PDB file of N, CA and C in Angstrom:
ATOM      1  N   MET A   1       3.820 -17.219 -14.865  1.00  0.00           N
ATOM      2  CA  MET A   1       3.507 -16.334 -14.241  1.00  0.00           C
ATOM      3  C   MET A   1       4.602 -15.805 -12.641  1.00  0.00           C
ATOM      4  N   ASN A   2       5.121 -14.781 -13.332  1.00  0.00           N
ATOM      5  CA  ASN A   2       5.808 -14.323 -11.741  1.00  0.00           C
ATOM      6  C   ASN A   2       5.845 -13.380 -10.928  1.00  0.00           C
ATOM      7  N   ILE A   3       5.773 -13.398 -10.197  1.00  0.00           N
ATOM      8  CA  ILE A   3       5.370 -12.494  -8.861  1.00  0.00           C
ATOM      9  C   ILE A   3       6.484 -11.406  -8.702  1.00  0.00           C
ATOM     10  N   THR A   4       6.263 -10.286  -8.512  1.00  0.00           N
ATOM     11  CA  THR A   4       7.624  -9.469  -7.438  1.00  0.00           C
ATOM     12  C   THR A   4       6.702  -8.821  -6.749  1.00  0.00           C
ATOM     13  N   TYR A   5       8.192  -8.056  -5.840  1.00  0.00           N
ATOM     14  CA  TYR A   5       6.991  -7.220  -4.848  1.00  0.00           C
ATOM     15  C   TYR A   5       8.116  -5.974  -4.646  1.00  0.00           C
ATOM     16  N   LYS A   6       7.755  -5.020  -4.356  1.00  0.00           N
ATOM     17  CA  LYS A   6       7.748  -3.540  -4.470  1.00  0.00           C
ATOM     18  C   LYS A   6       7.243  -3.353  -2.372  1.00  0.00           C
ATOM     19  N   THR A   7       8.643  -2.650  -1.630  1.00  0.00           N
ATOM     20  CA  THR A   7       8.033  -2.054  -0.634  1.00  0.00           C
ATOM     21  C   THR A   7       7.855  -0.504  -0.422  1.00  0.00           C
ATOM     22  N   ILE A   8       7.351   0.401   0.269  1.00  0.00           N
ATOM     23  CA  ILE A   8       7.905   1.611   0.330  1.00  0.00           C
ATOM     24  C   ILE A   8       7.171   1.634   1.613  1.00  0.00           C
ATOM     25  N   ASN A   9       8.186   2.720   2.583  1.00  0.00           N
ATOM     26  CA  ASN A   9       7.903   2.995   3.754  1.00  0.00           C
ATOM     27  C   ASN A   9       7.575   4.351   3.948  1.00  0.00           C
ATOM     28  N   ILE A  10       6.072   4.645   4.958  1.00  0.00           N
ATOM     29  CA  ILE A  10       5.737   6.092   5.082  1.00  0.00           C
ATOM     30  C   ILE A  10       5.526   6.215   6.556  1.00  0.00           C
ATOM     31  N   THR A  11       5.978   7.406   6.787  1.00  0.00           N
ATOM     32  CA  THR A  11       5.817   8.111   8.641  1.00  0.00           C
ATOM     33  C   THR A  11       5.134   9.163   8.283  1.00  0.00           C
ATOM     34  N   LEU A  12       3.998   8.725   9.224  1.00  0.00           N
ATOM     35  CA  LEU A  12       2.733  10.090   9.391  1.00  0.00           C
ATOM     36  C   LEU A  12       3.280  10.667  10.965  1.00  0.00           C
ATOM     37  N   PRO A  13       4.112  11.431  10.459  1.00  0.00           N
ATOM     38  CA  PRO A  13       4.701  12.195  11.714  1.00  0.00           C
ATOM     39  C   PRO A  13       3.449  12.932  12.961  1.00  0.00           C
ATOM     40  N   ARG A  14       3.486  12.338  14.182  1.00  0.00           N
ATOM     41  CA  ARG A  14       2.367  13.085  14.983  1.00  0.00           C
ATOM     42  C   ARG A  14       2.399  14.302  15.350  1.00  0.00           C
ATOM     43  N   GLY A  15       1.370  14.633  14.989  1.00  0.00           N
ATOM     44  CA  GLY A  15       1.011  16.514  14.973  1.00  0.00           C
ATOM     45  C   GLY A  15       0.307  16.839  13.545  1.00  0.00           C
ATOM     46  N   ASP A  16       0.818  15.649  12.620  1.00  0.00           N
ATOM     47  CA  ASP A  16      -0.056  15.831  10.797  1.00  0.00           C
ATOM     48  C   ASP A  16      -1.313  14.873  11.210  1.00  0.00           C
ATOM     49  N   GLN A  17      -1.687  15.134   9.895  1.00  0.00           N
ATOM     50  CA  GLN A  17      -2.921  14.560   9.687  1.00  0.00           C
ATOM     51  C   GLN A  17      -2.852  13.423   8.609  1.00  0.00           C
ATOM     52  N   SER A  18      -1.814  14.085   7.357  1.00  0.00           N
ATOM     53  CA  SER A  18      -1.707  13.140   6.039  1.00  0.00           C
ATOM     54  C   SER A  18      -0.366  13.093   5.831  1.00  0.00           C
ATOM     55  N   ALA A  19       0.266  12.107   5.179  1.00  0.00           N
ATOM     56  CA  ALA A  19       1.673  12.296   4.623  1.00  0.00           C
ATOM     57  C   ALA A  19       1.352  11.222   3.399  1.00  0.00           C
ATOM     58  N   THR A  20       2.082  11.479   2.777  1.00  0.00           N
ATOM     59  CA  THR A  20       2.493  11.050   1.296  1.00  0.00           C
ATOM     60  C   THR A  20       3.294  10.303   0.710  1.00  0.00           C
ATOM     61  N   LYS A  21       3.696   9.456   0.612  1.00  0.00           N
ATOM     62  CA  LYS A  21       5.023   9.010  -0.626  1.00  0.00           C
ATOM     63  C   LYS A  21       4.648   8.168  -1.412  1.00  0.00           C
ATOM     64  N   GLY A  22       5.621   8.621  -3.350  1.00  0.00           N
ATOM     65  CA  GLY A  22       5.463   8.091  -4.206  1.00  0.00           C
ATOM     66  C   GLY A  22       6.045   6.577  -4.243  1.00  0.00           C
ATOM     67  N   THR A  23       6.256   5.787  -5.224  1.00  0.00           N
ATOM     68  CA  THR A  23       7.227   4.967  -5.737  1.00  0.00           C
ATOM     69  C   THR A  23       7.091   4.941  -7.109  1.00  0.00           C
ATOM     70  N   LYS A  24       7.599   4.144  -8.210  1.00  0.00           N
ATOM     71  CA  LYS A  24       7.592   3.375  -9.613  1.00  0.00           C
ATOM     72  C   LYS A  24       7.054   1.824  -9.339  1.00  0.00           C
ATOM     73  N   ILE A  25       5.773   1.887  -9.485  1.00  0.00           N
ATOM     74  CA  ILE A  25       5.127   0.661  -9.528  1.00  0.00           C
ATOM     75  C   ILE A  25       5.646  -0.310 -11.397  1.00  0.00           C
ATOM     76  N   PRO A  26       6.692  -1.208 -11.275  1.00  0.00           N
ATOM     77  CA  PRO A  26       7.073  -2.212 -12.151  1.00  0.00           C
ATOM     78  C   PRO A  26       5.770  -2.331 -13.028  1.00  0.00           C
ATOM     79  N   THR A  27       6.212  -2.402 -14.527  1.00  0.00           N
ATOM     80  CA  THR A  27       5.282  -2.995 -15.662  1.00  0.00           C
ATOM     81  C   THR A  27       4.605  -4.368 -15.077  1.00  0.00           C
ATOM     82  N   GLY A  28       3.018  -4.756 -14.923  1.00  0.00           N
ATOM     83  CA  GLY A  28       2.271  -5.455 -14.945  1.00  0.00           C
ATOM     84  C   GLY A  28       0.961  -5.145 -14.407  1.00  0.00           C
ATOM     85  N   LYS A  29       0.475  -6.266 -13.098  1.00  0.00           N
ATOM     86  CA  LYS A  29      -0.540  -6.040 -12.709  1.00  0.00           C
ATOM     87  C   LYS A  29      -0.297  -5.505 -10.940  1.00  0.00           C
ATOM     88  N   ILE A  30      -0.779  -5.151 -10.240  1.00  0.00           N
ATOM     89  CA  ILE A  30      -0.603  -4.648  -8.939  1.00  0.00           C
ATOM     90  C   ILE A  30      -1.646  -5.912  -8.424  1.00  0.00           C
ATOM     91  N   ILE A  31      -1.699  -7.047  -7.717  1.00  0.00           N
ATOM     92  CA  ILE A  31      -2.606  -8.037  -7.648  1.00  0.00           C
ATOM     93  C   ILE A  31      -2.984  -7.963  -6.099  1.00  0.00           C
ATOM     94  N   ALA A  32      -2.153  -7.634  -4.803  1.00  0.00           N
ATOM     95  CA  ALA A  32      -2.162  -7.263  -3.572  1.00  0.00           C
ATOM     96  C   ALA A  32      -1.524  -6.025  -3.107  1.00  0.00           C
ATOM     97  N   ILE A  33      -2.254  -6.433  -2.060  1.00  0.00           N
ATOM     98  CA  ILE A  33      -1.508  -5.106  -1.058  1.00  0.00           C
ATOM     99  C   ILE A  33      -1.009  -5.969   0.053  1.00  0.00           C
ATOM    100  N   GLY A  34      -0.263  -5.288   0.777  1.00  0.00           N
ATOM    101  CA  GLY A  34      -0.033  -5.564   2.434  1.00  0.00           C
ATOM    102  C   GLY A  34       0.138  -4.433   3.137  1.00  0.00           C
ATOM    103  N   THR A  35       0.330  -4.522   4.475  1.00  0.00           N
ATOM    104  CA  THR A  35       0.999  -3.075   4.674  1.00  0.00           C
ATOM    105  C   THR A  35       0.825  -4.055   6.647  1.00  0.00           C
ATOM    106  N   THR A  36       1.944  -2.980   7.051  1.00  0.00           N
ATOM    107  CA  THR A  36       2.209  -3.446   8.692  1.00  0.00           C
ATOM    108  C   THR A  36       1.987  -2.039   9.439  1.00  0.00           C
ATOM    109  N   THR A  37       2.008  -1.772  10.218  1.00  0.00           N
ATOM    110  CA  THR A  37       1.650  -0.379  11.047  1.00  0.00           C
ATOM    111  C   THR A  37       2.273  -0.801  12.520  1.00  0.00           C
ATOM    112  N   ARG A  38       3.223   0.336  12.785  1.00  0.00           N
ATOM    113  CA  ARG A  38       4.189   0.853  13.778  1.00  0.00           C
ATOM    114  C   ARG A  38       3.804   1.935  14.296  1.00  0.00           C
ATOM    115  N   GLY A  39       3.306   2.263  15.383  1.00  0.00           N
ATOM    116  CA  GLY A  39       2.987   3.635  16.509  1.00  0.00           C
ATOM    117  C   GLY A  39       2.312   3.760  16.544  1.00  0.00           C
ATOM    118  N   ASN A  40       0.500   3.303  15.975  1.00  0.00           N
ATOM    119  CA  ASN A  40      -0.296   3.525  16.607  1.00  0.00           C
ATOM    120  C   ASN A  40      -0.842   3.216  17.598  1.00  0.00           C
ATOM    121  N   GLY A  41      -0.307   3.264  18.987  1.00  0.00           N
ATOM    122  CA  GLY A  41      -0.992   2.627  19.595  1.00  0.00           C
ATOM    123  C   GLY A  41      -2.140   3.818  20.384  1.00  0.00           C
ATOM    124  N   THR A  42      -2.867   4.370  19.620  1.00  0.00           N
ATOM    125  CA  THR A  42      -4.520   5.051  20.154  1.00  0.00           C
ATOM    126  C   THR A  42      -5.490   4.445  19.783  1.00  0.00           C
ATOM    127  N   ASN A  43      -4.957   3.394  18.131  1.00  0.00           N
ATOM    128  CA  ASN A  43      -6.208   2.771  17.603  1.00  0.00           C
ATOM    129  C   ASN A  43      -7.316   3.738  16.598  1.00  0.00           C
ATOM    130  N   GLU A  44      -6.134   5.209  16.732  1.00  0.00           N
ATOM    131  CA  GLU A  44      -7.491   5.668  15.985  1.00  0.00           C
ATOM    132  C   GLU A  44      -7.641   5.014  14.659  1.00  0.00           C
ATOM    133  N   ILE A  45      -8.028   5.759  13.572  1.00  0.00           N
ATOM    134  CA  ILE A  45      -8.864   5.161  12.398  1.00  0.00           C
ATOM    135  C   ILE A  45      -7.492   6.083  11.390  1.00  0.00           C
ATOM    136  N   ILE A  46      -6.581   5.345  10.401  1.00  0.00           N
ATOM    137  CA  ILE A  46      -5.710   6.567   9.904  1.00  0.00           C
ATOM    138  C   ILE A  46      -6.233   6.037   8.257  1.00  0.00           C
ATOM    139  N   ASP A  47      -6.753   5.903   7.281  1.00  0.00           N
ATOM    140  CA  ASP A  47      -6.744   5.928   6.521  1.00  0.00           C
ATOM    141  C   ASP A  47      -5.458   5.534   5.437  1.00  0.00           C
ATOM    142  N   PHE A  48      -6.097   4.983   4.902  1.00  0.00           N
ATOM    143  CA  PHE A  48      -4.606   4.299   3.550  1.00  0.00           C
ATOM    144  C   PHE A  48      -5.429   4.692   2.092  1.00  0.00           C
ATOM    145  N   SER A  49      -4.194   5.158   1.250  1.00  0.00           N
ATOM    146  CA  SER A  49      -5.578   5.180  -0.117  1.00  0.00           C
ATOM    147  C   SER A  49      -4.234   5.225  -1.421  1.00  0.00           C
ATOM    148  N   LEU A  50      -4.664   5.059  -2.680  1.00  0.00           N
ATOM    149  CA  LEU A  50      -3.605   5.007  -3.511  1.00  0.00           C
ATOM    150  C   LEU A  50      -3.660   5.985  -4.678  1.00  0.00           C
ATOM    151  N   LEU A  51      -3.186   7.125  -4.795  1.00  0.00           N
ATOM    152  CA  LEU A  51      -3.136   7.853  -5.943  1.00  0.00           C
ATOM    153  C   LEU A  51      -2.582   8.094  -7.511  1.00  0.00           C
ATOM    154  N   ASP A  52      -3.078   8.368  -8.560  1.00  0.00           N
ATOM    155  CA  ASP A  52      -2.153   8.266  -9.729  1.00  0.00           C
ATOM    156  C   ASP A  52      -2.076   9.657 -10.093  1.00  0.00           C
ATOM    157  N   ASN A  53      -1.132  10.268 -10.148  1.00  0.00           N
ATOM    158  CA  ASN A  53      -1.670  11.836 -10.025  1.00  0.00           C
ATOM    159  C   ASN A  53      -2.889  12.170  -9.482  1.00  0.00           C
ATOM    160  N   ASN A  54      -2.748  12.201  -8.472  1.00  0.00           N
ATOM    161  CA  ASN A  54      -4.164  12.909  -7.390  1.00  0.00           C
ATOM    162  C   ASN A  54      -5.065  12.469  -7.565  1.00  0.00           C
ATOM    163  N   ASN A  55      -5.213  11.389  -8.735  1.00  0.00           N
ATOM    164  CA  ASN A  55      -6.715  10.762  -9.002  1.00  0.00           C
ATOM    165  C   ASN A  55      -6.688   9.352  -8.335  1.00  0.00           C
ATOM    166  N   GLU A  56      -7.511   9.000  -7.483  1.00  0.00           N
ATOM    167  CA  GLU A  56      -8.060   8.350  -6.417  1.00  0.00           C
ATOM    168  C   GLU A  56      -8.166   6.840  -6.982  1.00  0.00           C
ATOM    169  N   ILE A  57      -6.760   5.673  -6.981  1.00  0.00           N
ATOM    170  CA  ILE A  57      -7.567   4.430  -7.636  1.00  0.00           C
ATOM    171  C   ILE A  57      -7.686   3.444  -6.616  1.00  0.00           C
ATOM    172  N   LEU A  58      -6.960   3.631  -5.612  1.00  0.00           N
ATOM    173  CA  LEU A  58      -7.921   3.016  -4.374  1.00  0.00           C
ATOM    174  C   LEU A  58      -7.925   3.465  -3.184  1.00  0.00           C
ATOM    175  N   SER A  59      -9.577   3.580  -3.124  1.00  0.00           N
ATOM    176  CA  SER A  59     -10.164   4.475  -2.171  1.00  0.00           C
ATOM    177  C   SER A  59      -9.544   3.969  -0.456  1.00  0.00           C
ATOM    178  N   PRO A  60      -9.782   5.163  -0.197  1.00  0.00           N
ATOM    179  CA  PRO A  60      -9.549   5.545   1.413  1.00  0.00           C
ATOM    180  C   PRO A  60     -10.231   4.095   2.168  1.00  0.00           C
ATOM    181  N   CYS A  61      -9.285   3.731   3.395  1.00  0.00           N
ATOM    182  CA  CYS A  61      -9.971   2.837   4.408  1.00  0.00           C
ATOM    183  C   CYS A  61      -8.799   3.174   5.070  1.00  0.00           C
ATOM    184  N   ASP A  62      -9.529   2.589   6.608  1.00  0.00           N
ATOM    185  CA  ASP A  62      -8.495   2.043   7.400  1.00  0.00           C
ATOM    186  C   ASP A  62      -7.476   1.197   6.616  1.00  0.00           C
ATOM    187  N   VAL A  63      -5.885   1.754   7.684  1.00  0.00           N
ATOM    188  CA  VAL A  63      -4.520   0.723   7.129  1.00  0.00           C
ATOM    189  C   VAL A  63      -5.139  -0.817   7.789  1.00  0.00           C
ATOM    190  N   GLN A  64      -5.960  -0.917   8.323  1.00  0.00           N
ATOM    191  CA  GLN A  64      -5.770  -2.121   9.378  1.00  0.00           C
ATOM    192  C   GLN A  64      -6.502  -2.965   7.902  1.00  0.00           C
ATOM    193  N   PHE A  65      -7.198  -2.591   7.246  1.00  0.00           N
ATOM    194  CA  PHE A  65      -8.055  -3.185   6.290  1.00  0.00           C
ATOM    195  C   PHE A  65      -6.997  -4.173   5.065  1.00  0.00           C
ATOM    196  N   SER A  66      -5.878  -3.477   5.218  1.00  0.00           N
ATOM    197  CA  SER A  66      -4.701  -3.884   3.917  1.00  0.00           C
ATOM    198  C   SER A  66      -3.572  -4.369   4.917  1.00  0.00           C
ATOM    199  N   GLU A  67      -4.044  -4.964   6.370  1.00  0.00           N
ATOM    200  CA  GLU A  67      -2.637  -5.312   6.659  1.00  0.00           C
ATOM    201  C   GLU A  67      -3.516  -7.403   6.238  1.00  0.00           C
ATOM    202  N   LYS A  68      -1.730  -7.762   6.450  1.00  0.00           N
ATOM    203  CA  LYS A  68      -1.614  -9.481   6.239  1.00  0.00           C
ATOM    204  C   LYS A  68      -2.959 -10.311   7.114  1.00  0.00           C
ATOM    205  N   THR A  69      -3.637 -11.365   6.887  1.00  0.00           N
ATOM    206  CA  THR A  69      -4.794 -11.719   8.140  1.00  0.00           C
ATOM    207  C   THR A  69      -3.511 -13.573   7.264  1.00  0.00           C
ATOM    208  N   ALA A  70      -4.320 -14.229   8.785  1.00  0.00           N
ATOM    209  CA  ALA A  70      -3.507 -15.439   9.005  1.00  0.00           C
ATOM    210  C   ALA A  70      -4.544 -16.374   8.143  1.00  0.00           C
ATOM    211  N   GLY A  71      -3.786 -17.267   7.176  1.00  0.00           N
ATOM    212  CA  GLY A  71      -4.390 -18.342   6.231  1.00  0.00           C
ATOM    213  C   GLY A  71      -4.617 -18.265   5.036  1.00  0.00           C
ATOM    214  N   GLY A  72      -4.160 -19.540   4.178  1.00  0.00           N
ATOM    215  CA  GLY A  72      -4.338 -19.728   3.018  1.00  0.00           C
ATOM    216  C   GLY A  72      -3.123 -19.624   2.670  1.00  0.00           C
ATOM    217  N   ARG A  73      -2.684 -19.526   1.634  1.00  0.00           N
ATOM    218  CA  ARG A  73      -1.200 -19.060   0.840  1.00  0.00           C
ATOM    219  C   ARG A  73      -0.974 -17.576   1.646  1.00  0.00           C
ATOM    220  N   TRP A  74       0.071 -17.397   1.452  1.00  0.00           N
ATOM    221  CA  TRP A  74       0.982 -15.690   1.928  1.00  0.00           C
ATOM    222  C   TRP A  74       0.240 -14.920   1.206  1.00  0.00           C
ATOM    223  N   ILE A  75       0.015 -15.578  -0.092  1.00  0.00           N
ATOM    224  CA  ILE A  75      -0.335 -14.418  -1.104  1.00  0.00           C
ATOM    225  C   ILE A  75      -1.815 -13.642  -1.096  1.00  0.00           C
ATOM    226  N   ASP A  76      -2.586 -14.918  -0.797  1.00  0.00           N
ATOM    227  CA  ASP A  76      -4.076 -14.344  -0.354  1.00  0.00           C
ATOM    228  C   ASP A  76      -4.496 -14.440   0.720  1.00  0.00           C
ATOM    229  N   SER A  77      -3.355 -13.568   1.884  1.00  0.00           N
ATOM    230  CA  SER A  77      -3.259 -12.815   2.869  1.00  0.00           C
ATOM    231  C   SER A  77      -3.503 -11.690   3.086  1.00  0.00           C
ATOM    232  N   MET A  78      -3.462 -11.138   1.734  1.00  0.00           N
ATOM    233  CA  MET A  78      -2.913  -9.358   1.245  1.00  0.00           C
ATOM    234  C   MET A  78      -3.981  -9.585   0.987  1.00  0.00           C
ATOM    235  N   ARG A  79      -4.154  -8.152   1.004  1.00  0.00           N
ATOM    236  CA  ARG A  79      -5.432  -7.133   0.149  1.00  0.00           C
ATOM    237  C   ARG A  79      -5.544  -7.316  -0.814  1.00  0.00           C
ATOM    238  N   PRO A  80      -6.328  -8.114  -1.476  1.00  0.00           N
ATOM    239  CA  PRO A  80      -6.546  -8.738  -3.654  1.00  0.00           C
ATOM    240  C   PRO A  80      -6.901  -6.895  -4.206  1.00  0.00           C
ATOM    241  N   VAL A  81      -6.569  -6.625  -4.881  1.00  0.00           N
ATOM    242  CA  VAL A  81      -6.582  -5.642  -5.989  1.00  0.00           C
ATOM    243  C   VAL A  81      -6.225  -5.901  -7.458  1.00  0.00           C
ATOM    244  N   HIS A  82      -6.684  -4.770  -7.720  1.00  0.00           N
ATOM    245  CA  HIS A  82      -6.288  -5.182  -9.963  1.00  0.00           C
ATOM    246  C   HIS A  82      -6.435  -4.126 -10.360  1.00  0.00           C
ATOM    247  N   LEU A  83      -4.770  -3.817 -10.462  1.00  0.00           N
ATOM    248  CA  LEU A  83      -4.860  -2.457 -10.308  1.00  0.00           C
ATOM    249  C   LEU A  83      -2.994  -2.139 -11.687  1.00  0.00           C
ATOM    250  N   ASP A  84      -3.114  -0.952 -12.446  1.00  0.00           N
ATOM    251  CA  ASP A  84      -2.119  -1.601 -13.109  1.00  0.00           C
ATOM    252  C   ASP A  84      -0.667  -1.220 -12.669  1.00  0.00           C
ATOM    253  N   GLY A  85       0.390  -1.585 -13.216  1.00  0.00           N
ATOM    254  CA  GLY A  85       1.524  -1.060 -12.782  1.00  0.00           C
ATOM    255  C   GLY A  85       1.959  -0.617 -13.835  1.00  0.00           C
ATOM    256  N   GLY A  86       3.315  -0.267 -13.903  1.00  0.00           N
ATOM    257  CA  GLY A  86       4.228   0.710 -15.161  1.00  0.00           C
ATOM    258  C   GLY A  86       4.260   1.701 -15.116  1.00  0.00           C
ATOM    259  N   ARG A  87       3.633   2.353 -13.407  1.00  0.00           N
ATOM    260  CA  ARG A  87       3.354   4.163 -13.082  1.00  0.00           C
ATOM    261  C   ARG A  87       3.657   4.308 -12.116  1.00  0.00           C
ATOM    262  N   GLU A  88       4.006   5.155 -12.164  1.00  0.00           N
ATOM    263  CA  GLU A  88       4.365   6.308 -10.686  1.00  0.00           C
ATOM    264  C   GLU A  88       2.452   6.865  -9.405  1.00  0.00           C
ATOM    265  N   VAL A  89       2.872   5.699  -8.570  1.00  0.00           N
ATOM    266  CA  VAL A  89       1.671   5.793  -7.799  1.00  0.00           C
ATOM    267  C   VAL A  89       2.376   6.910  -6.165  1.00  0.00           C
ATOM    268  N   ASP A  90       1.118   6.881  -6.073  1.00  0.00           N
ATOM    269  CA  ASP A  90       1.333   7.916  -4.220  1.00  0.00           C
ATOM    270  C   ASP A  90       0.697   7.012  -3.312  1.00  0.00           C
ATOM    271  N   ALA A  91       1.256   6.215  -2.225  1.00  0.00           N
ATOM    272  CA  ALA A  91       0.567   5.331  -1.113  1.00  0.00           C
ATOM    273  C   ALA A  91       0.060   6.977  -0.122  1.00  0.00           C
ATOM    274  N   LYS A  92      -0.685   7.434   0.328  1.00  0.00           N
ATOM    275  CA  LYS A  92      -1.249   8.312   0.963  1.00  0.00           C
ATOM    276  C   LYS A  92      -2.068   7.712   2.919  1.00  0.00           C
ATOM    277  N   LEU A  93      -1.521   8.290   3.811  1.00  0.00           N
ATOM    278  CA  LEU A  93      -2.153   8.206   5.062  1.00  0.00           C
ATOM    279  C   LEU A  93      -2.865   9.233   5.668  1.00  0.00           C
ATOM    280  N   PHE A  94      -4.107   9.451   5.580  1.00  0.00           N
ATOM    281  CA  PHE A  94      -4.905  10.418   6.434  1.00  0.00           C
ATOM    282  C   PHE A  94      -5.182  10.166   7.647  1.00  0.00           C
ATOM    283  N   ALA A  95      -5.166  10.840   8.695  1.00  0.00           N
ATOM    284  CA  ALA A  95      -5.771  10.566   9.968  1.00  0.00           C
ATOM    285  C   ALA A  95      -6.681  11.580  10.189  1.00  0.00           C
ATOM    286  N   TYR A  96      -7.835  11.658  11.545  1.00  0.00           N
ATOM    287  CA  TYR A  96      -8.844  12.350  11.166  1.00  0.00           C
ATOM    288  C   TYR A  96      -8.698  13.261  12.246  1.00  0.00           C
ATOM    289  N   THR A  97      -7.775  13.240  13.398  1.00  0.00           N
ATOM    290  CA  THR A  97      -7.071  14.174  14.515  1.00  0.00           C
ATOM    291  C   THR A  97      -5.422  13.660  13.671  1.00  0.00           C
ATOM    292  N   PRO A  98      -4.902  15.046  13.765  1.00  0.00           N
ATOM    293  CA  PRO A  98      -2.846  14.927  13.825  1.00  0.00           C
ATOM    294  C   PRO A  98      -2.881  15.060  15.709  1.00  0.00           C
ATOM    295  N   GLU A  99      -3.925  14.499  16.575  1.00  0.00           N
ATOM    296  CA  GLU A  99      -3.119  14.017  17.957  1.00  0.00           C
ATOM    297  C   GLU A  99      -3.071  13.356  18.240  1.00  0.00           C
ATOM    298  N   ARG A 100      -1.314  12.238  18.010  1.00  0.00           N
ATOM    299  CA  ARG A 100      -1.093  11.170  18.907  1.00  0.00           C
ATOM    300  C   ARG A 100       0.082  11.609  19.217  1.00  0.00           C
ATOM    301  N   PRO A 101       0.500  10.142  20.188  1.00  0.00           N
ATOM    302  CA  PRO A 101       1.639  10.901  20.894  1.00  0.00           C
ATOM    303  C   PRO A 101       2.645  10.295  20.196  1.00  0.00           C
ATOM    304  N   THR A 102       2.557   9.530  19.000  1.00  0.00           N
ATOM    305  CA  THR A 102       4.062   9.287  18.315  1.00  0.00           C
ATOM    306  C   THR A 102       3.715   9.312  17.109  1.00  0.00           C
ATOM    307  N   ASP A 103       4.729   8.868  15.838  1.00  0.00           N
ATOM    308  CA  ASP A 103       4.757   8.802  14.313  1.00  0.00           C
ATOM    309  C   ASP A 103       4.161   7.684  14.266  1.00  0.00           C
ATOM    310  N   VAL A 104       3.495   7.503  13.534  1.00  0.00           N
ATOM    311  CA  VAL A 104       2.909   6.344  12.883  1.00  0.00           C
ATOM    312  C   VAL A 104       3.421   5.751  11.445  1.00  0.00           C
ATOM    313  N   ASN A 105       4.472   4.601  11.409  1.00  0.00           N
ATOM    314  CA  ASN A 105       5.217   3.578  10.780  1.00  0.00           C
ATOM    315  C   ASN A 105       4.364   3.258   9.630  1.00  0.00           C
ATOM    316  N   VAL A 106       3.926   3.018   8.505  1.00  0.00           N
ATOM    317  CA  VAL A 106       3.171   2.372   8.016  1.00  0.00           C
ATOM    318  C   VAL A 106       4.578   1.685   6.964  1.00  0.00           C
ATOM    319  N   GLN A 107       4.560   0.087   6.358  1.00  0.00           N
ATOM    320  CA  GLN A 107       5.370  -0.249   5.352  1.00  0.00           C
ATOM    321  C   GLN A 107       4.452  -0.666   4.331  1.00  0.00           C
ATOM    322  N   VAL A 108       3.951  -0.538   3.550  1.00  0.00           N
ATOM    323  CA  VAL A 108       3.197  -1.274   2.228  1.00  0.00           C
ATOM    324  C   VAL A 108       3.972  -2.180   1.701  1.00  0.00           C
ATOM    325  N   LEU A 109       3.131  -3.253   0.801  1.00  0.00           N
ATOM    326  CA  LEU A 109       4.099  -4.223   0.164  1.00  0.00           C
ATOM    327  C   LEU A 109       2.854  -4.204  -1.048  1.00  0.00           C
ATOM    328  N   PHE A 110       3.687  -3.801  -2.417  1.00  0.00           N
ATOM    329  CA  PHE A 110       3.122  -4.456  -3.231  1.00  0.00           C
ATOM    330  C   PHE A 110       2.669  -5.053  -4.318  1.00  0.00           C
ATOM    331  N   ALA A 111       2.273  -6.692  -4.545  1.00  0.00           N
ATOM    332  CA  ALA A 111       2.358  -7.572  -5.123  1.00  0.00           C
ATOM    333  C   ALA A 111       2.253  -7.545  -6.483  1.00  0.00           C
ATOM    334  N   ILE A 112       2.976  -7.706  -7.465  1.00  0.00           N
ATOM    335  CA  ILE A 112       2.866  -7.504  -8.869  1.00  0.00           C
ATOM    336  C   ILE A 112       3.382  -8.856  -9.769  1.00  0.00           C
ATOM    337  N   LEU A 113       2.306  -8.847 -10.380  1.00  0.00           N
ATOM    338  CA  LEU A 113       2.260 -10.104 -11.336  1.00  0.00           C
ATOM    339  C   LEU A 113       2.774  -9.625 -13.027  1.00  0.00           C
ATOM    340  N   GLU A 114       4.311  -9.918 -13.374  1.00  0.00           N
ATOM    341  CA  GLU A 114       4.755  -8.836 -14.321  1.00  0.00           C
ATOM    342  C   GLU A 114       4.054  -9.652 -15.193  1.00  0.00           C
ATOM    343  N   ASP A 115       4.541  -8.428 -16.392  1.00  0.00           N
ATOM    344  CA  ASP A 115       4.197  -8.105 -17.561  1.00  0.00           C
ATOM    345  C   ASP A 115       5.279  -8.889 -18.359  1.00  0.00           C
ATOM    346  N   ASN A 116       4.828  -9.962 -18.834  1.00  0.00           N
ATOM    347  CA  ASN A 116       5.799 -11.136 -19.691  1.00  0.00           C
ATOM    348  C   ASN A 116       5.573 -11.067 -21.159  1.00  0.00           C
ATOM    349  N   LYS A 117       5.341  -9.821 -21.737  1.00  0.00           N
ATOM    350  CA  LYS A 117       4.835  -9.827 -23.098  1.00  0.00           C
ATOM    351  C   LYS A 117       6.353 -10.388 -24.036  1.00  0.00           C
ATOM    352  N   ASN A 118       7.469  -9.911 -23.604  1.00  0.00           N
ATOM    353  CA  ASN A 118       8.936  -9.773 -24.248  1.00  0.00           C
ATOM    354  C   ASN A 118       9.025 -11.182 -23.737  1.00  0.00           C
ATOM    355  N   ASP A 119       9.077 -12.206 -23.156  1.00  0.00           N
ATOM    356  CA  ASP A 119       9.154 -13.510 -22.713  1.00  0.00           C
ATOM    357  C   ASP A 119       8.935 -14.537 -24.302  1.00  0.00           C
ATOM    358  N   SER A 120       9.912 -15.222 -24.363  1.00  0.00           N
ATOM    359  CA  SER A 120      10.147 -15.934 -25.642  1.00  0.00           C
ATOM    360  C   SER A 120       9.623 -17.036 -25.530  1.00  0.00           C
ATOM    361  N   SER A 121      10.218 -17.339 -24.768  1.00  0.00           N
ATOM    362  CA  SER A 121       9.109 -18.758 -23.966  1.00  0.00           C
ATOM    363  C   SER A 121       7.414 -19.404 -24.216  1.00  0.00           C
ATOM    364  N   CYS A 122       7.743 -20.640 -24.448  1.00  0.00           N
ATOM    365  CA  CYS A 122       6.809 -21.009 -24.692  1.00  0.00           C
ATOM    366  C   CYS A 122       5.720 -21.496 -23.751  1.00  0.00           C
TER     367      CYS A 122
END
């Protein structure tokens, strides 16, 4: 079992309500997601979701629900998911209001359990 990590950075500009950033996920299973947020000083709700060809594969909820928590193993402190890798996904941020004093920057970390089908080891 080999876990790899992929990160992307998304900026929700002040004055905008949504931002999307795509990335190619390696072959395997996305088993957990973690986020960290900078610039949301107003503590507004900003939804985070994942899309595949504009189809929701991870329902929107406040980005803070995907932030790493304290306790347990590091991987256990991330938001557990079970999504197929080996495809392009779009991470989306959506704010209920465009009015905020600064940009909101979010880094998303994907934990991917690699598909070792080509591994010839026992």
